[in-house]
Amino acid sequence: MSDDVKSRGLWSSRLMFILAAAGSAIGLGNIWRFPYLAGKYGGGAFVIMYLAFVAVLGIPVLVAEIMIGRESRKNPVGAFSKLSSGHKLWTAVGFMGVAAGFVILSYYSVIAGWTIDYFVKSVDGDYFKPGADIAGYFASLLADPYQQAIWHTAFMGATIAIVIFGIKEGLERWIGILMPALFLLLLLLVIYGLTAGDAKGGLSYLFVPDWSKLVTNTAGDYTPLPMLEALGQAFFSLSLGMGAMITYGSYLGDDASLPSSAVIIACLDTMIAILAGISIYTILFQYRLDPSAQGPGLVFKVLPLAFAQMPGGRILAMSFFALLFFAALTSAISLLEVVVAYFVDDRKWARRGATIVMGTIIWALGLFSAFSYNLLGSVTILTDKDGNGMPVLDSIDRVANNYMLPIGGFFIALFAGWFMNRDSVKKQLLEGGGSPLFFRIWLILIRFVSPLAIALLILFQLDSDVGILKRLFGMH
């Protein structure tokens, strides 16, 4: 083992790598975004499409990212630079991964701060006071820039405090605590939902396919939006295209089986998303609450109404928002580690200084998202499909999910499938008991299926936003 690898550190075991990578993948998107999207786009129909994207696109790109990291023992920028002999295009792809981690963490921390606020509200019993305006709490939180800034600061402070201590003393120690706690809390919520909630209504809403919602919009016209949402969810939930898996893969030992590790990570991530959907919808249907609320509205407006009505609701509310916080923190750790690893590896900064400086800059950028619904309420960057201006946080989220991550995944697929040394790739995938059949299937997917499918979906997204296909080909 080289001195450079020793100084960077390695995961103490394959299990710890899997827990860390799964923690990176399991985040807020699994717990509030996936259930909402599944309900909106046909329940089981969306789940099937999502699983197909995970299998055909997600796992091959996940394998590629981990492989690039382990082969190079570098951060995303250093990895592409080293493996491409300094080619500027591929080095730029690495920079895009670091930039994605930087940008996503800036607004992700603000959303994570909301979970802290609601946990505190659950502890002090605000939900359960007579006449409490539970549904109005979220609007009042968004209207209070200073409260959001406080929780955003607290969350970034916790993230910085963990990453500053490195792999063994920082990431491993806390992931070993957070991941078991996350699984336990979610399991308890699922058991409660299935036994005390409306299991039949919740499971039907989540899993019974309604194929019509996949192909038409409210006007009855064909729309690729469900496919775009499923692809974006697969990439976001697996932490693909943002450099996290390349960085975590760079700390993975040579004796670990890369394909089986990737499959286990993807299965854990998907399982958490589905279990979260079960726990949420069984509770909502028991109390006859509207399950169609979008994203944050589902978690921060509708669910608290259910918690306020149910026996033991205060404990359940505390457990649920603690679960959200743990999920957010495990993802935030990986995002900050991507940025820090670049400055430690390539710029030779000390880890402590890199973590504090870059964490502080990300925190400062996040203030624009924290203020986007109040002090900067009149400032909009993008517009939605109805032509309405989107706040800073929503705009950044849209650019990151719909473009930065898929574009990063597209170039990672091309690089791993066509530009990396094939003997090195084969060796990486066969080490630790990998299957030759898996290698052959993976090579076909990563060379042809993944890049083509991602490219088509990026084009559809561009067409949805700016009508690029209509302009280029006269499509209607």
Protein backbone atom coordinates (compact mmCIF):
# COMPACT_ATOMS: atom_id res chain seq x y z
CA MET A 1 0.00 0.00 0.00
CA SER A 2 1.45 3.36 -1.03
CA ASP A 3 2.16 6.11 1.48
CA ASP A 4 -0.44 8.28 -0.29
CA VAL A 5 -3.15 5.66 0.24
CA LYS A 6 -2.13 5.23 3.89
CA SER A 7 -2.30 8.97 4.52
CA ARG A 8 -5.77 9.22 2.95
CA GLY A 9 -7.07 6.20 4.85
CA LEU A 10 -9.31 3.26 3.91
CA TRP A 11 -12.61 1.99 5.19
CA SER A 12 -11.96 -0.51 7.98
CA SER A 13 -14.19 -3.10 6.29
CA ARG A 14 -16.41 -3.73 3.29
CA LEU A 15 -19.42 -3.54 5.60
CA MET A 16 -18.45 -0.07 6.73
CA PHE A 17 -18.07 1.05 3.10
CA ILE A 18 -21.53 -0.32 2.29
CA LEU A 19 -23.05 1.44 5.30
CA ALA A 20 -21.31 4.70 4.39
CA ALA A 21 -22.28 4.52 0.71
CA ALA A 22 -25.84 3.53 1.60
CA GLY A 23 -25.92 6.43 4.04
CA SER A 24 -24.84 8.76 1.25
CA ALA A 25 -27.58 7.37 -0.98
CA ILE A 26 -30.29 7.32 1.70
CA GLY A 27 -31.39 10.88 2.28
CA LEU A 28 -34.36 13.21 2.30
CA GLY A 29 -35.18 12.29 -1.29
CA ASN A 30 -35.92 8.69 -0.28
CA ILE A 31 -38.20 9.60 2.58
CA TRP A 32 -40.31 12.45 1.21
CA ARG A 33 -39.61 12.71 -2.52
CA PHE A 34 -39.97 9.07 -3.54
CA PRO A 35 -43.34 8.48 -1.80
CA TYR A 36 -44.79 11.64 -3.32
CA LEU A 37 -43.60 10.78 -6.84
CA ALA A 38 -44.85 7.21 -6.57
CA GLY A 39 -48.30 8.40 -5.55
CA LYS A 40 -48.39 11.09 -8.23
CA TYR A 41 -47.30 8.89 -11.13
CA GLY A 42 -49.37 5.77 -10.76
CA GLY A 43 -48.17 4.04 -7.60
CA GLY A 44 -46.84 0.63 -8.63
CA ALA A 45 -46.38 1.85 -12.21
CA PHE A 46 -43.84 4.45 -11.07
CA VAL A 47 -42.21 1.98 -8.67
CA ILE A 48 -41.67 -0.48 -11.53
CA MET A 49 -40.22 2.23 -13.77
CA TYR A 50 -38.00 3.50 -10.95
CA LEU A 51 -36.70 -0.02 -10.25
CA ALA A 52 -35.97 -0.46 -13.96
CA PHE A 53 -33.93 2.76 -14.01
CA VAL A 54 -32.03 1.68 -10.89
CA ALA A 55 -31.21 -1.70 -12.44
CA VAL A 56 -30.39 -0.60 -16.00
CA LEU A 57 -28.89 2.84 -15.37
CA GLY A 58 -28.30 3.30 -11.66
CA ILE A 59 -26.33 0.17 -10.76
CA PRO A 60 -24.04 0.28 -13.85
CA VAL A 61 -23.16 3.94 -13.20
CA LEU A 62 -22.79 3.24 -9.47
CA VAL A 63 -20.32 0.44 -10.27
CA ALA A 64 -18.46 2.78 -12.62
CA GLU A 65 -18.16 5.54 -10.00
CA ILE A 66 -16.89 3.22 -7.27
CA MET A 67 -14.47 1.62 -9.74
CA ILE A 68 -13.08 4.99 -10.88
CA GLY A 69 -12.53 5.98 -7.26
CA ARG A 70 -10.84 2.73 -6.23
CA GLU A 71 -8.65 2.54 -9.33
CA SER A 72 -7.39 6.10 -8.89
CA ARG A 73 -7.44 6.49 -5.07
CA LYS A 74 -8.40 10.11 -5.72
CA ASN A 75 -11.26 12.57 -5.47
CA PRO A 76 -13.37 13.11 -8.65
CA VAL A 77 -11.04 15.73 -10.14
CA GLY A 78 -7.88 13.81 -9.34
CA ALA A 79 -9.46 10.53 -10.46
CA PHE A 80 -10.39 11.69 -13.95
CA SER A 81 -7.12 13.57 -14.32
CA LYS A 82 -5.05 10.55 -13.30
CA LEU A 83 -6.93 7.95 -15.33
CA SER A 84 -7.12 10.15 -18.45
CA SER A 85 -3.48 11.31 -18.20
CA GLY A 86 -4.59 14.86 -17.54
CA HIS A 87 -7.08 15.20 -20.42
CA LYS A 88 -8.88 18.52 -19.93
CA LEU A 89 -12.35 17.27 -20.87
CA TRP A 90 -12.32 14.45 -18.35
CA THR A 91 -10.75 16.61 -15.68
CA ALA A 92 -13.65 19.04 -16.24
CA VAL A 93 -16.08 16.15 -15.62
CA GLY A 94 -14.38 15.63 -12.26
CA PHE A 95 -14.76 19.32 -11.47
CA MET A 96 -18.45 19.08 -12.33
CA GLY A 97 -18.83 16.31 -9.75
CA VAL A 98 -17.18 18.43 -7.06
CA ALA A 99 -19.31 21.43 -8.09
CA ALA A 100 -22.47 19.31 -7.88
CA GLY A 101 -21.62 18.22 -4.34
CA PHE A 102 -20.88 21.83 -3.41
CA VAL A 103 -24.10 23.24 -4.85
CA ILE A 104 -26.41 20.47 -3.66
CA LEU A 105 -25.14 20.62 -0.08
CA SER A 106 -25.73 24.38 0.06
CA TYR A 107 -29.52 24.03 -0.29
CA TYR A 108 -29.77 20.49 1.09
CA SER A 109 -28.56 21.84 4.43
CA VAL A 110 -31.42 24.35 4.48
CA ILE A 111 -34.01 21.61 3.92
CA ALA A 112 -32.31 19.47 6.55
CA GLY A 113 -32.59 22.42 8.91
CA TRP A 114 -36.37 22.20 8.57
CA THR A 115 -36.21 18.68 10.05
CA ILE A 116 -34.42 20.06 13.13
CA ASP A 117 -37.07 22.73 13.55
CA TYR A 118 -39.88 20.18 13.37
CA PHE A 119 -38.10 17.81 15.74
CA VAL A 120 -37.85 20.62 18.28
CA LYS A 121 -41.54 21.46 17.74
CA SER A 122 -42.36 17.80 18.37
CA VAL A 123 -40.32 17.71 21.57
CA ASP A 124 -41.87 20.84 23.08
CA GLY A 125 -45.36 19.76 22.02
CA ASP A 126 -46.33 22.60 19.67
CA TYR A 127 -48.31 20.15 17.51
CA PHE A 128 -50.53 19.16 20.38
CA LYS A 129 -51.55 22.46 21.88
CA PRO A 130 -55.29 23.25 21.53
CA GLY A 131 -56.00 25.37 18.48
CA ALA A 132 -52.48 25.00 17.07
CA ASP A 133 -52.26 25.91 13.38
CA ILE A 134 -50.28 22.81 12.38
CA ALA A 135 -50.65 23.29 8.64
CA GLY A 136 -49.53 26.91 8.98
CA TYR A 137 -46.27 26.10 10.78
CA PHE A 138 -44.45 25.39 7.54
CA ALA A 139 -45.47 28.70 5.95
CA SER A 140 -44.39 30.56 9.06
CA LEU A 141 -41.02 28.78 9.01
CA LEU A 142 -40.42 29.71 5.37
CA ALA A 143 -41.37 33.29 6.20
CA ASP A 144 -38.76 33.47 8.97
CA PRO A 145 -35.30 33.82 7.36
CA TYR A 146 -33.46 34.03 10.65
CA GLN A 147 -34.98 30.83 12.03
CA GLN A 148 -34.04 29.01 8.83
CA ALA A 149 -30.53 30.44 9.01
CA ILE A 150 -30.14 29.20 12.59
CA TRP A 151 -31.11 25.60 11.72
CA HIS A 152 -29.07 25.70 8.50
CA THR A 153 -26.08 26.80 10.59
CA ALA A 154 -26.66 24.06 13.15
CA PHE A 155 -26.87 21.37 10.46
CA MET A 156 -23.76 22.55 8.59
CA GLY A 157 -21.94 22.76 11.92
CA ALA A 158 -22.75 19.11 12.66
CA THR A 159 -21.64 18.07 9.17
CA ILE A 160 -18.35 19.96 9.43
CA ALA A 161 -17.69 18.54 12.90
CA ILE A 162 -17.95 14.97 11.59
CA VAL A 163 -15.98 15.38 8.34
CA ILE A 164 -13.15 17.26 10.02
CA PHE A 165 -11.95 14.08 11.77
CA GLY A 166 -11.48 12.03 8.58
CA ILE A 167 -12.43 8.45 7.70
CA LYS A 168 -11.84 6.51 10.91
CA GLU A 169 -12.59 9.03 13.65
CA GLY A 170 -15.19 11.04 11.75
CA LEU A 171 -17.14 9.29 9.00
CA GLU A 172 -16.93 5.70 10.27
CA ARG A 173 -17.66 6.50 13.90
CA TRP A 174 -20.78 8.51 13.17
CA ILE A 175 -22.06 6.39 10.30
CA GLY A 176 -21.83 3.41 12.64
CA ILE A 177 -24.24 5.24 14.96
CA LEU A 178 -26.52 7.00 12.48
CA MET A 179 -27.26 4.13 10.08
CA PRO A 180 -28.49 1.59 12.69
CA ALA A 181 -30.56 4.36 14.33
CA LEU A 182 -32.06 5.26 10.93
CA PHE A 183 -33.02 1.64 10.16
CA LEU A 184 -34.50 1.11 13.62
CA LEU A 185 -36.63 4.26 13.53
CA LEU A 186 -37.95 3.51 10.05
CA LEU A 187 -38.75 -0.09 10.97
CA LEU A 188 -40.72 1.07 14.00
CA LEU A 189 -42.68 3.54 11.87
CA VAL A 190 -43.46 0.87 9.27
CA ILE A 191 -44.67 -1.56 11.95
CA TYR A 192 -46.87 1.17 13.42
CA GLY A 193 -48.28 2.09 10.01
CA LEU A 194 -49.11 -1.50 9.09
CA THR A 195 -50.70 -2.35 12.44
CA ALA A 196 -52.37 0.88 13.53
CA GLY A 197 -52.78 2.62 10.16
CA ASP A 198 -54.77 1.84 7.02
CA ALA A 199 -52.52 -0.84 5.55
CA LYS A 200 -54.86 -1.68 2.67
CA GLY A 201 -55.36 1.92 1.53
CA GLY A 202 -51.71 2.90 1.91
CA LEU A 203 -50.30 -0.16 0.17
CA SER A 204 -52.82 0.10 -2.67
CA TYR A 205 -52.00 3.76 -3.27
CA LEU A 206 -48.28 3.00 -3.34
CA PHE A 207 -48.15 -0.30 -5.23
CA VAL A 208 -51.25 -0.80 -7.39
CA PRO A 209 -50.21 0.33 -10.91
CA ASP A 210 -52.10 3.08 -12.67
CA TRP A 211 -50.37 3.10 -16.06
CA SER A 212 -52.36 6.04 -17.39
CA LYS A 213 -50.47 8.41 -15.08
CA LEU A 214 -47.18 7.48 -16.75
CA VAL A 215 -48.05 8.58 -20.25
CA THR A 216 -50.47 11.48 -20.07
CA ASN A 217 -50.78 14.83 -18.39
CA THR A 218 -53.97 16.51 -17.20
CA ALA A 219 -54.78 17.47 -20.79
CA GLY A 220 -54.48 13.85 -21.95
CA ASP A 221 -51.28 14.46 -23.94
CA TYR A 222 -48.14 12.34 -23.83
CA THR A 223 -45.45 13.64 -21.48
CA PRO A 224 -41.97 12.26 -20.65
CA LEU A 225 -42.12 13.91 -17.22
CA PRO A 226 -42.69 10.66 -15.25
CA MET A 227 -39.59 9.12 -16.89
CA LEU A 228 -37.56 12.23 -16.15
CA GLU A 229 -38.72 12.22 -12.54
CA ALA A 230 -37.91 8.51 -12.18
CA LEU A 231 -34.44 8.98 -13.67
CA GLY A 232 -33.75 12.02 -11.51
CA GLN A 233 -34.93 10.12 -8.43
CA ALA A 234 -32.70 7.14 -9.28
CA PHE A 235 -29.63 9.35 -9.70
CA PHE A 236 -30.33 11.60 -6.72
CA SER A 237 -31.22 8.78 -4.35
CA LEU A 238 -28.09 6.77 -5.31
CA SER A 239 -25.86 9.88 -5.03
CA LEU A 240 -24.77 9.49 -8.66
CA GLY A 241 -23.15 12.21 -10.75
CA MET A 242 -22.12 14.26 -7.69
CA GLY A 243 -18.74 12.65 -6.99
CA ALA A 244 -19.77 11.05 -3.68
CA MET A 245 -19.40 7.45 -4.82
CA ILE A 246 -16.10 8.17 -6.57
CA THR A 247 -14.79 9.68 -3.34
CA TYR A 248 -16.10 6.88 -1.12
CA GLY A 249 -14.84 4.30 -3.62
CA SER A 250 -11.35 5.77 -3.35
CA TYR A 251 -11.28 4.60 0.29
CA LEU A 252 -12.39 1.02 -0.55
CA GLY A 253 -9.92 -1.85 -0.11
CA ASP A 254 -8.81 -3.93 -3.09
CA ASP A 255 -10.16 -7.19 -1.67
CA ALA A 256 -13.81 -6.09 -1.61
CA SER A 257 -16.16 -7.26 -4.35
CA LEU A 258 -17.20 -4.14 -6.21
CA PRO A 259 -20.27 -5.49 -8.11
CA SER A 260 -21.89 -7.13 -5.07
CA SER A 261 -21.19 -4.03 -2.96
CA ALA A 262 -22.91 -1.82 -5.54
CA VAL A 263 -25.94 -4.11 -5.77
CA ILE A 264 -26.30 -4.22 -1.97
CA ILE A 265 -26.08 -0.40 -1.77
CA ALA A 266 -28.75 0.00 -4.46
CA CYS A 267 -31.02 -2.55 -2.77
CA LEU A 268 -30.67 -0.88 0.64
CA ASP A 269 -31.39 2.52 -0.87
CA THR A 270 -34.48 1.25 -2.71
CA MET A 271 -35.71 -0.66 0.33
CA ILE A 272 -35.56 2.48 2.48
CA ALA A 273 -37.51 4.47 -0.12
CA ILE A 274 -40.26 1.83 -0.31
CA LEU A 275 -40.45 1.38 3.47
CA ALA A 276 -40.71 5.16 3.86
CA GLY A 277 -43.62 5.17 1.42
CA ILE A 278 -45.36 2.41 3.37
CA SER A 279 -44.96 4.19 6.70
CA ILE A 280 -46.19 7.53 5.33
CA TYR A 281 -49.21 6.40 3.31
CA THR A 282 -50.59 3.88 5.80
CA ILE A 283 -50.70 6.71 8.38
CA LEU A 284 -52.19 9.27 5.96
CA PHE A 285 -54.98 6.96 4.79
CA GLN A 286 -55.84 6.01 8.38
CA TYR A 287 -56.63 9.66 9.11
CA ARG A 288 -58.11 10.38 5.66
CA LEU A 289 -55.58 13.08 4.84
CA ASP A 290 -54.67 14.23 1.33
CA PRO A 291 -51.76 12.08 0.04
CA SER A 292 -51.18 14.22 -3.06
CA ALA A 293 -49.32 17.07 -1.32
CA GLN A 294 -46.02 17.73 -3.05
CA GLY A 295 -42.56 17.11 -1.63
CA PRO A 296 -42.02 19.22 1.50
CA GLY A 297 -45.74 19.76 1.83
CA LEU A 298 -46.29 16.03 2.36
CA VAL A 299 -43.82 15.83 5.24
CA PHE A 300 -44.12 19.27 6.83
CA LYS A 301 -47.83 20.00 6.35
CA VAL A 302 -49.85 16.80 6.02
CA LEU A 303 -48.03 14.28 8.23
CA PRO A 304 -47.98 16.56 11.30
CA LEU A 305 -51.79 16.70 11.10
CA ALA A 306 -51.83 12.92 11.40
CA PHE A 307 -49.32 12.90 14.27
CA ALA A 308 -51.52 15.36 16.19
CA GLN A 309 -54.52 13.02 15.95
CA MET A 310 -52.99 9.63 16.70
CA PRO A 311 -52.27 7.99 20.07
CA GLY A 312 -48.61 8.45 20.91
CA GLY A 313 -48.34 10.95 18.07
CA ARG A 314 -45.79 13.09 19.87
CA ILE A 315 -43.34 10.19 20.15
CA LEU A 316 -43.97 9.22 16.53
CA ALA A 317 -43.41 12.79 15.37
CA MET A 318 -40.13 12.96 17.26
CA SER A 319 -39.08 9.62 15.78
CA PHE A 320 -40.02 10.59 12.24
CA PHE A 321 -38.19 13.91 12.21
CA ALA A 322 -35.18 12.34 13.93
CA LEU A 323 -35.22 9.80 11.09
CA LEU A 324 -35.26 12.61 8.53
CA PHE A 325 -32.37 14.33 10.29
CA PHE A 326 -30.24 11.17 10.38
CA ALA A 327 -30.93 10.49 6.70
CA ALA A 328 -30.01 14.05 5.77
CA LEU A 329 -26.83 14.03 7.84
CA THR A 330 -25.45 10.80 6.33
CA SER A 331 -25.93 12.29 2.86
CA ALA A 332 -24.49 15.68 3.82
CA ILE A 333 -21.34 14.02 5.19
CA SER A 334 -20.64 12.46 1.79
CA LEU A 335 -21.30 15.71 -0.09
CA LEU A 336 -18.88 17.71 2.04
CA GLU A 337 -16.33 14.89 1.85
CA VAL A 338 -16.34 15.20 -1.96
CA VAL A 339 -15.31 18.86 -1.77
CA VAL A 340 -12.84 18.38 1.09
CA ALA A 341 -11.14 15.39 -0.59
CA TYR A 342 -10.35 17.53 -3.65
CA PHE A 343 -8.61 20.21 -1.61
CA VAL A 344 -6.77 17.62 0.51
CA ASP A 345 -5.66 15.46 -2.45
CA ASP A 346 -4.97 17.98 -5.18
CA ARG A 347 -4.40 21.27 -3.35
CA LYS A 348 -2.57 19.66 -0.40
CA TRP A 349 -4.63 21.47 2.19
CA ALA A 350 -4.80 20.08 5.72
CA ARG A 351 -8.10 18.26 6.27
CA ARG A 352 -9.08 20.48 9.18
CA GLY A 353 -8.55 23.70 7.24
CA ALA A 354 -10.20 22.36 4.07
CA THR A 355 -13.27 21.22 6.00
CA ILE A 356 -13.72 24.48 7.90
CA VAL A 357 -13.06 26.77 4.93
CA MET A 358 -15.15 24.90 2.36
CA GLY A 359 -17.89 24.11 4.86
CA THR A 360 -18.13 27.80 5.71
CA ILE A 361 -18.33 28.81 2.04
CA ILE A 362 -21.07 26.24 1.41
CA TRP A 363 -22.90 27.52 4.50
CA ALA A 364 -22.69 31.09 3.17
CA LEU A 365 -24.04 30.04 -0.23
CA GLY A 366 -26.86 28.20 1.53
CA LEU A 367 -28.06 31.45 3.05
CA PHE A 368 -29.39 32.45 -0.38
CA SER A 369 -31.63 29.36 -0.27
CA ALA A 370 -32.59 30.03 3.36
CA PHE A 371 -33.67 33.55 2.39
CA SER A 372 -35.25 32.58 -0.94
CA TYR A 373 -38.81 32.42 0.44
CA ASN A 374 -38.64 35.62 2.48
CA LEU A 375 -35.89 38.25 2.19
CA LEU A 376 -35.25 37.21 -1.42
CA GLY A 377 -38.86 36.30 -2.10
CA SER A 378 -39.06 38.55 -5.14
CA VAL A 379 -35.89 37.07 -6.66
CA THR A 380 -36.55 34.24 -9.11
CA ILE A 381 -34.13 32.45 -11.41
CA LEU A 382 -36.07 29.87 -13.42
CA THR A 383 -39.76 29.50 -14.21
CA ASP A 384 -41.97 26.46 -13.73
CA LYS A 385 -44.09 24.83 -16.42
CA ASP A 386 -46.82 27.44 -15.85
CA GLY A 387 -44.40 30.34 -16.31
CA ASN A 388 -44.26 31.27 -12.64
CA GLY A 389 -40.94 32.34 -11.17
CA MET A 390 -39.13 29.77 -9.01
CA PRO A 391 -37.30 30.80 -5.81
CA VAL A 392 -33.53 30.37 -5.51
CA LEU A 393 -33.74 27.06 -3.62
CA ASP A 394 -36.18 25.49 -6.07
CA SER A 395 -34.17 26.71 -9.07
CA ILE A 396 -30.89 25.29 -7.78
CA ASP A 397 -32.59 22.00 -6.95
CA ARG A 398 -34.03 21.78 -10.45
CA VAL A 399 -30.71 22.50 -12.19
CA ALA A 400 -28.83 20.03 -9.97
CA ASN A 401 -31.32 17.17 -10.26
CA ASN A 402 -32.39 17.57 -13.87
CA TYR A 403 -29.06 18.49 -15.45
CA MET A 404 -25.91 18.29 -13.31
CA LEU A 405 -26.47 14.74 -12.06
CA PRO A 406 -27.65 13.14 -15.34
CA ILE A 407 -24.93 14.92 -17.35
CA GLY A 408 -22.33 13.75 -14.83
CA GLY A 409 -23.70 10.21 -15.08
CA PHE A 410 -23.58 10.36 -18.88
CA PHE A 411 -19.89 11.24 -18.98
CA ILE A 412 -19.04 8.74 -16.25
CA ALA A 413 -20.67 5.99 -18.32
CA LEU A 414 -18.72 7.02 -21.43
CA PHE A 415 -15.45 7.20 -19.53
CA ALA A 416 -15.81 3.85 -17.78
CA GLY A 417 -17.14 2.07 -20.86
CA TRP A 418 -14.89 3.47 -23.60
CA PHE A 419 -11.87 5.32 -22.22
CA MET A 420 -10.65 3.36 -19.21
CA ASN A 421 -8.19 0.55 -19.78
CA ARG A 422 -10.32 -2.56 -20.31
CA ASP A 423 -7.91 -4.87 -18.51
CA SER A 424 -7.95 -2.59 -15.47
CA VAL A 425 -11.74 -2.43 -15.56
CA LYS A 426 -12.07 -6.20 -15.81
CA LYS A 427 -9.63 -6.69 -12.95
CA GLN A 428 -11.56 -4.26 -10.76
CA LEU A 429 -14.87 -6.02 -11.38
CA LEU A 430 -13.49 -9.54 -10.91
CA GLU A 431 -11.53 -8.85 -7.72
CA GLY A 432 -13.11 -10.14 -4.55
CA GLY A 433 -15.09 -12.86 -6.33
CA GLY A 434 -16.77 -10.84 -9.06
CA SER A 435 -18.59 -12.70 -11.84
CA PRO A 436 -17.34 -12.70 -15.48
CA LEU A 437 -21.00 -12.74 -16.57
CA PHE A 438 -21.69 -9.60 -14.54
CA PHE A 439 -18.70 -7.93 -16.21
CA ARG A 440 -19.99 -8.72 -19.70
CA ILE A 441 -23.52 -7.51 -18.92
CA TRP A 442 -22.19 -4.39 -17.19
CA LEU A 443 -19.93 -3.57 -20.15
CA ILE A 444 -22.88 -3.69 -22.58
CA LEU A 445 -25.03 -1.53 -20.33
CA ILE A 446 -22.36 1.06 -19.53
CA ARG A 447 -21.20 1.35 -23.15
CA PHE A 448 -24.51 1.46 -24.96
CA VAL A 449 -27.68 1.39 -22.88
CA SER A 450 -26.82 3.80 -20.05
CA PRO A 451 -25.33 6.69 -22.08
CA LEU A 452 -28.00 6.46 -24.79
CA ALA A 453 -30.89 6.38 -22.31
CA ILE A 454 -29.44 9.22 -20.22
CA ALA A 455 -28.78 11.34 -23.33
CA LEU A 456 -32.35 10.88 -24.57
CA LEU A 457 -33.80 11.81 -21.20
CA ILE A 458 -31.59 14.90 -20.97
CA LEU A 459 -32.88 15.94 -24.39
CA PHE A 460 -36.46 15.43 -23.25
CA GLN A 461 -35.73 17.55 -20.20
CA LEU A 462 -34.31 20.31 -22.40
CA ASP A 463 -37.37 20.04 -24.59
CA SER A 464 -39.62 20.31 -21.56
CA ASP A 465 -37.76 23.44 -20.40
CA VAL A 466 -36.88 25.26 -23.64
CA GLY A 467 -38.45 23.25 -26.47
CA ILE A 468 -35.09 22.23 -27.95
CA LEU A 469 -36.43 19.21 -29.82
CA LYS A 470 -39.15 21.26 -31.44
CA ARG A 471 -36.58 23.81 -32.56
CA LEU A 472 -34.11 21.22 -33.86
CA PHE A 473 -36.46 18.73 -35.50
CA GLY A 474 -39.82 20.47 -35.79
CA MET A 475 -41.42 17.99 -33.38
CA HIS A 476 -44.91 18.61 -32.05
